[in-house]
């Protein structure tokens, strides 16, 4: 059985998938989502802490460098 983006079990056939989507939308089934892993939470916390520690000029320099790479 295929897995969804957060590890949910999904039916492999088209009709089974359509039936499950209908049940979810009507409320006959509840889909439980996993809590993000520790890596995700710590990565977000680290990014926030880094952004708070930078000056405006440093943030602007990082943004310009990223834009240059994107538009290269």
C-alpha atoms as a PDB file:
ATOM      1  CA  UNK A   1       0.000   0.000   0.000  1.00  0.00           C
ATOM      2  CA  UNK A   2       1.509   3.397  -0.964  1.00  0.00           C
ATOM      3  CA  UNK A   3       2.240   5.966   1.719  1.00  0.00           C
ATOM      4  CA  UNK A   4       1.246   9.617   1.809  1.00  0.00           C
ATOM      5  CA  UNK A   5       3.615  12.522   2.517  1.00  0.00           C
ATOM      6  CA  UNK A   6       3.368  11.999   6.280  1.00  0.00           C
ATOM      7  CA  UNK A   7       3.316   8.201   6.252  1.00  0.00           C
ATOM      8  CA  UNK A   8      -0.451   7.696   5.851  1.00  0.00           C
ATOM      9  CA  UNK A   9      -1.600   4.512   4.168  1.00  0.00           C
ATOM     10  CA  UNK A  10      -3.110   5.140   0.730  1.00  0.00           C
ATOM     11  CA  UNK A  11      -4.947   2.749  -1.585  1.00  0.00           C
ATOM     12  CA  UNK A  12      -2.993   1.859  -4.720  1.00  0.00           C
ATOM     13  CA  UNK A  13      -5.969   1.733  -7.117  1.00  0.00           C
ATOM     14  CA  UNK A  14      -7.816   4.773  -8.478  1.00  0.00           C
ATOM     15  CA  UNK A  15     -11.280   3.727  -7.283  1.00  0.00           C
ATOM     16  CA  UNK A  16     -10.052   2.940  -3.776  1.00  0.00           C
ATOM     17  CA  UNK A  17      -8.330   6.314  -3.622  1.00  0.00           C
ATOM     18  CA  UNK A  18     -11.495   8.105  -4.776  1.00  0.00           C
ATOM     19  CA  UNK A  19     -13.557   6.288  -2.135  1.00  0.00           C
ATOM     20  CA  UNK A  20     -11.088   7.248   0.589  1.00  0.00           C
ATOM     21  CA  UNK A  21     -11.073  10.903  -0.513  1.00  0.00           C
ATOM     22  CA  UNK A  22     -14.881  10.937  -0.420  1.00  0.00           C
ATOM     23  CA  UNK A  23     -14.918   9.411   3.073  1.00  0.00           C
ATOM     24  CA  UNK A  24     -12.374  11.947   4.299  1.00  0.00           C
ATOM     25  CA  UNK A  25     -14.300  14.892   2.837  1.00  0.00           C
ATOM     26  CA  UNK A  26     -17.625  13.727   4.324  1.00  0.00           C
ATOM     27  CA  UNK A  27     -16.070  12.997   7.702  1.00  0.00           C
ATOM     28  CA  UNK A  28     -16.565   9.230   7.826  1.00  0.00           C
ATOM     29  CA  UNK A  29     -12.808   8.730   8.262  1.00  0.00           C
ATOM     30  CA  UNK A  30     -10.314  10.834  10.146  1.00  0.00           C
ATOM     31  CA  UNK A  31      -6.769  11.203   8.929  1.00  0.00           C
ATOM     32  CA  UNK A  32      -4.239  11.623  11.707  1.00  0.00           C
ATOM     33  CA  UNK A  33      -1.138  13.596  10.814  1.00  0.00           C
ATOM     34  CA  UNK A  34       2.205  13.023  12.460  1.00  0.00           C
ATOM     35  CA  UNK A  35       3.914  15.738  14.428  1.00  0.00           C
ATOM     36  CA  UNK A  36       7.039  17.105  12.695  1.00  0.00           C
ATOM     37  CA  UNK A  37      10.262  15.346  13.669  1.00  0.00           C
ATOM     38  CA  UNK A  38      12.825  16.867  15.980  1.00  0.00           C
ATOM     39  CA  UNK A  39      15.061  17.700  13.035  1.00  0.00           C
ATOM     40  CA  UNK A  40      12.375  19.841  11.424  1.00  0.00           C
ATOM     41  CA  UNK A  41      11.565  21.661  14.651  1.00  0.00           C
ATOM     42  CA  UNK A  42      15.212  22.302  15.554  1.00  0.00           C
ATOM     43  CA  UNK A  43      15.984  23.453  12.005  1.00  0.00           C
ATOM     44  CA  UNK A  44      13.178  26.003  12.128  1.00  0.00           C
ATOM     45  CA  UNK A  45      14.292  27.181  15.571  1.00  0.00           C
ATOM     46  CA  UNK A  46      17.889  27.488  14.369  1.00  0.00           C
ATOM     47  CA  UNK A  47      16.868  29.520  11.334  1.00  0.00           C
ATOM     48  CA  UNK A  48      14.873  31.893  13.514  1.00  0.00           C
ATOM     49  CA  UNK A  49      17.741  32.289  15.974  1.00  0.00           C
ATOM     50  CA  UNK A  50      20.188  32.965  13.135  1.00  0.00           C
ATOM     51  CA  UNK A  51      17.901  35.593  11.604  1.00  0.00           C
ATOM     52  CA  UNK A  52      17.526  37.354  14.955  1.00  0.00           C
ATOM     53  CA  UNK A  53      21.307  37.472  15.387  1.00  0.00           C
ATOM     54  CA  UNK A  54      22.047  39.088  12.016  1.00  0.00           C
ATOM     55  CA  UNK A  55      22.134  42.795  11.347  1.00  0.00           C
ATOM     56  CA  UNK A  56      20.052  44.351   8.589  1.00  0.00           C
ATOM     57  CA  UNK A  57      23.126  44.717   6.357  1.00  0.00           C
ATOM     58  CA  UNK A  58      24.084  41.053   6.817  1.00  0.00           C
ATOM     59  CA  UNK A  59      20.544  39.916   5.978  1.00  0.00           C
ATOM     60  CA  UNK A  60      20.555  42.142   2.897  1.00  0.00           C
ATOM     61  CA  UNK A  61      23.892  40.698   1.763  1.00  0.00           C
ATOM     62  CA  UNK A  62      22.605  37.132   2.150  1.00  0.00           C
ATOM     63  CA  UNK A  63      19.443  38.002   0.204  1.00  0.00           C
ATOM     64  CA  UNK A  64      21.439  39.619  -2.631  1.00  0.00           C
ATOM     65  CA  UNK A  65      23.733  36.595  -2.846  1.00  0.00           C
ATOM     66  CA  UNK A  66      20.742  34.225  -2.978  1.00  0.00           C
ATOM     67  CA  UNK A  67      19.056  36.323  -5.678  1.00  0.00           C
ATOM     68  CA  UNK A  68      22.245  36.344  -7.761  1.00  0.00           C
ATOM     69  CA  UNK A  69      22.480  32.552  -7.575  1.00  0.00           C
ATOM     70  CA  UNK A  70      18.765  32.190  -8.423  1.00  0.00           C
ATOM     71  CA  UNK A  71      18.972  34.446 -11.466  1.00  0.00           C
ATOM     72  CA  UNK A  72      22.325  33.110 -12.710  1.00  0.00           C
END
